Amino acid sequence: MSKPQLKKILLVDDDSATNFINEITIKKTGVDAQIVVCTSAFQALDYLGSTGQYENQERFPQPCIIFLDINMPGMNGFEFLDHYDKLPEEQKGILVVVMLTTSVNPDDRMRSENDQNIKGFISKPLTEEHLMKIINDNFEWSKK
């Protein structure tokens, strides 16, 4: 079976330990993707709007998946999505946003289910099973 190939996966979480664990989980699955970590929603928006200053790229980074925490200081995950909606299409790319959170607030889950940008609501930590389900549900790749 071949490994799923995704251009980039963006982790947006203010907790460094969580980002570290999520990176390890992604690497353990064998998913072939560059993993980019942003520790704030502001940094993530800056990254999505960048050309050239990150990774010597000529185009916008356009990650395939964003794992987004809800509860972050300064700007929470939902506020990030409000700003994300206003980005030009060339900055968005083909994207799946998954809320990866410790929130048990039913309003957060309902809001996520009603947002067309959000394709999943997962309790931390990210697991290999969660990641593979997201990939299998949202991307085509050769499973030979």
Protein backbone atom coordinates (compact mmCIF):
# COMPACT_ATOMS: atom_id res chain seq x y z
CA MET A 1 0.00 0.00 0.00
CA SER A 2 1.41 3.39 -0.95
CA LYS A 3 1.66 6.26 1.50
CA PRO A 4 -0.88 9.09 1.25
CA GLN A 5 0.78 12.16 -0.21
CA LEU A 6 -0.36 15.57 0.92
CA LYS A 7 1.48 18.79 0.24
CA LYS A 8 1.37 20.27 3.74
CA ILE A 9 -0.36 19.80 7.07
CA LEU A 10 -0.69 22.88 9.27
CA LEU A 11 -0.96 22.50 13.04
CA VAL A 12 -2.38 25.57 14.79
CA ASP A 13 -2.21 25.23 18.56
CA ASP A 14 -0.68 27.38 21.30
CA ASP A 15 0.49 24.30 23.22
CA SER A 16 3.97 23.17 22.13
CA ALA A 17 3.63 19.72 23.71
CA THR A 18 0.41 19.08 21.78
CA ASN A 19 2.06 20.15 18.53
CA PHE A 20 5.01 17.84 19.23
CA ILE A 21 2.72 14.86 19.90
CA ASN A 22 0.65 15.62 16.79
CA GLU A 23 3.79 15.80 14.63
CA ILE A 24 4.93 12.41 15.92
CA THR A 25 1.49 10.91 15.27
CA ILE A 26 1.44 12.21 11.68
CA LYS A 27 4.95 10.89 11.00
CA LYS A 28 4.06 7.47 12.47
CA THR A 29 1.27 7.04 9.90
CA GLY A 30 3.74 7.40 7.05
CA VAL A 31 1.79 10.26 5.51
CA ASP A 32 4.09 12.06 3.11
CA ALA A 33 3.51 15.73 3.96
CA GLN A 34 5.45 18.70 5.18
CA ILE A 35 4.27 19.53 8.70
CA VAL A 36 4.14 23.22 9.59
CA VAL A 37 3.44 24.38 13.15
CA CYS A 38 1.98 27.76 14.10
CA THR A 39 1.52 28.55 17.78
CA SER A 40 -1.14 31.21 17.27
CA ALA A 41 -3.98 31.98 14.91
CA PHE A 42 -2.22 35.23 13.98
CA GLN A 43 0.92 33.34 12.98
CA ALA A 44 -1.19 30.88 10.94
CA LEU A 45 -2.90 33.69 9.02
CA ASP A 46 0.48 35.27 8.36
CA TYR A 47 1.77 31.92 7.11
CA LEU A 48 -1.23 31.36 4.80
CA GLY A 49 -0.74 34.81 3.28
CA SER A 50 3.00 34.43 2.76
CA THR A 51 4.96 33.90 -0.40
CA GLY A 52 8.69 33.50 -0.36
CA GLN A 53 9.36 34.18 3.31
CA TYR A 54 8.60 30.60 4.38
CA GLU A 55 10.35 27.61 2.78
CA ASN A 56 11.55 29.70 -0.20
CA GLN A 57 8.26 29.19 -1.99
CA GLU A 58 7.00 31.25 -4.89
CA ARG A 59 3.31 30.59 -4.24
CA PHE A 60 1.09 30.65 -1.19
CA PRO A 61 1.67 27.59 1.02
CA GLN A 62 -1.87 26.15 0.66
CA PRO A 63 -1.82 23.33 3.23
CA CYS A 64 -4.13 20.39 2.57
CA ILE A 65 -5.20 19.97 6.19
CA ILE A 66 -5.32 22.43 9.07
CA PHE A 67 -5.68 20.99 12.55
CA LEU A 68 -7.02 23.95 14.50
CA ASP A 69 -7.35 24.39 18.25
CA ILE A 70 -10.39 26.33 19.44
CA ASN A 71 -9.15 27.84 22.69
CA MET A 72 -6.09 29.99 22.01
CA PRO A 73 -5.14 33.37 23.45
CA GLY A 74 -5.54 36.47 21.30
CA MET A 75 -7.62 34.85 18.57
CA ASN A 76 -9.50 31.58 18.98
CA GLY A 77 -10.07 28.96 16.29
CA PHE A 78 -13.47 30.30 15.26
CA GLU A 79 -12.11 33.85 14.96
CA PHE A 80 -9.30 32.42 12.82
CA LEU A 81 -11.92 30.88 10.52
CA ASP A 82 -13.74 34.22 10.24
CA HIS A 83 -10.49 35.75 8.94
CA TYR A 84 -9.75 32.67 6.82
CA ASP A 85 -13.09 33.09 5.03
CA LYS A 86 -11.97 36.52 3.83
CA LEU A 87 -8.68 35.29 2.33
CA PRO A 88 -8.38 35.21 -1.48
CA GLU A 89 -9.00 31.74 -2.93
CA GLU A 90 -5.35 31.32 -4.02
CA GLN A 91 -4.34 31.46 -0.35
CA LYS A 92 -6.81 28.76 0.67
CA GLY A 93 -6.05 25.92 -1.74
CA ILE A 94 -7.73 22.53 -1.38
CA LEU A 95 -8.17 22.49 2.32
CA VAL A 96 -9.71 20.44 5.07
CA VAL A 97 -10.03 22.14 8.46
CA VAL A 98 -10.39 19.89 11.49
CA MET A 99 -11.01 21.28 14.95
CA LEU A 100 -8.65 19.43 17.27
CA THR A 101 -9.61 20.49 20.75
CA THR A 102 -10.13 19.73 24.40
CA SER A 103 -13.43 21.62 24.31
CA VAL A 104 -16.43 19.71 25.63
CA ASN A 105 -18.75 22.65 25.01
CA PRO A 106 -21.69 21.40 22.90
CA ASP A 107 -21.95 24.88 21.33
CA ASP A 108 -18.42 24.48 19.93
CA ARG A 109 -19.32 21.13 18.37
CA MET A 110 -22.56 22.52 16.92
CA ARG A 111 -20.82 25.59 15.53
CA SER A 112 -18.19 23.33 13.94
CA GLU A 113 -20.84 21.11 12.36
CA ASN A 114 -22.55 24.18 10.86
CA ASP A 115 -19.37 25.69 9.38
CA GLN A 116 -18.76 24.60 5.78
CA ASN A 117 -14.99 24.96 6.22
CA ILE A 118 -14.82 22.47 9.09
CA LYS A 119 -14.68 18.81 8.10
CA GLY A 120 -14.22 17.33 11.55
CA PHE A 121 -14.32 17.91 15.29
CA ILE A 122 -11.86 15.70 17.16
CA SER A 123 -10.92 15.58 20.81
CA LYS A 124 -7.20 15.82 21.52
CA PRO A 125 -4.90 14.09 21.06
CA LEU A 126 -4.76 13.37 17.33
CA THR A 127 -4.57 9.63 16.69
CA GLU A 128 -3.34 7.72 13.67
CA GLU A 129 -6.90 6.44 13.16
CA HIS A 130 -8.34 9.97 13.16
CA LEU A 131 -5.76 11.16 10.65
CA MET A 132 -6.27 8.25 8.27
CA LYS A 133 -10.06 8.66 8.43
CA ILE A 134 -9.74 12.35 7.56
CA ILE A 135 -7.45 11.52 4.64
CA ASN A 136 -9.62 8.66 3.38
CA ASP A 137 -12.80 10.73 3.67
CA ASN A 138 -11.44 13.86 1.98
CA PHE A 139 -8.61 12.97 -0.40
CA GLU A 140 -8.06 10.49 -3.20
CA TRP A 141 -4.81 8.57 -3.13
CA SER A 142 -3.57 5.27 -4.40
CA LYS A 143 -4.02 2.51 -1.82
CA LYS A 144 -2.17 -0.09 -3.90
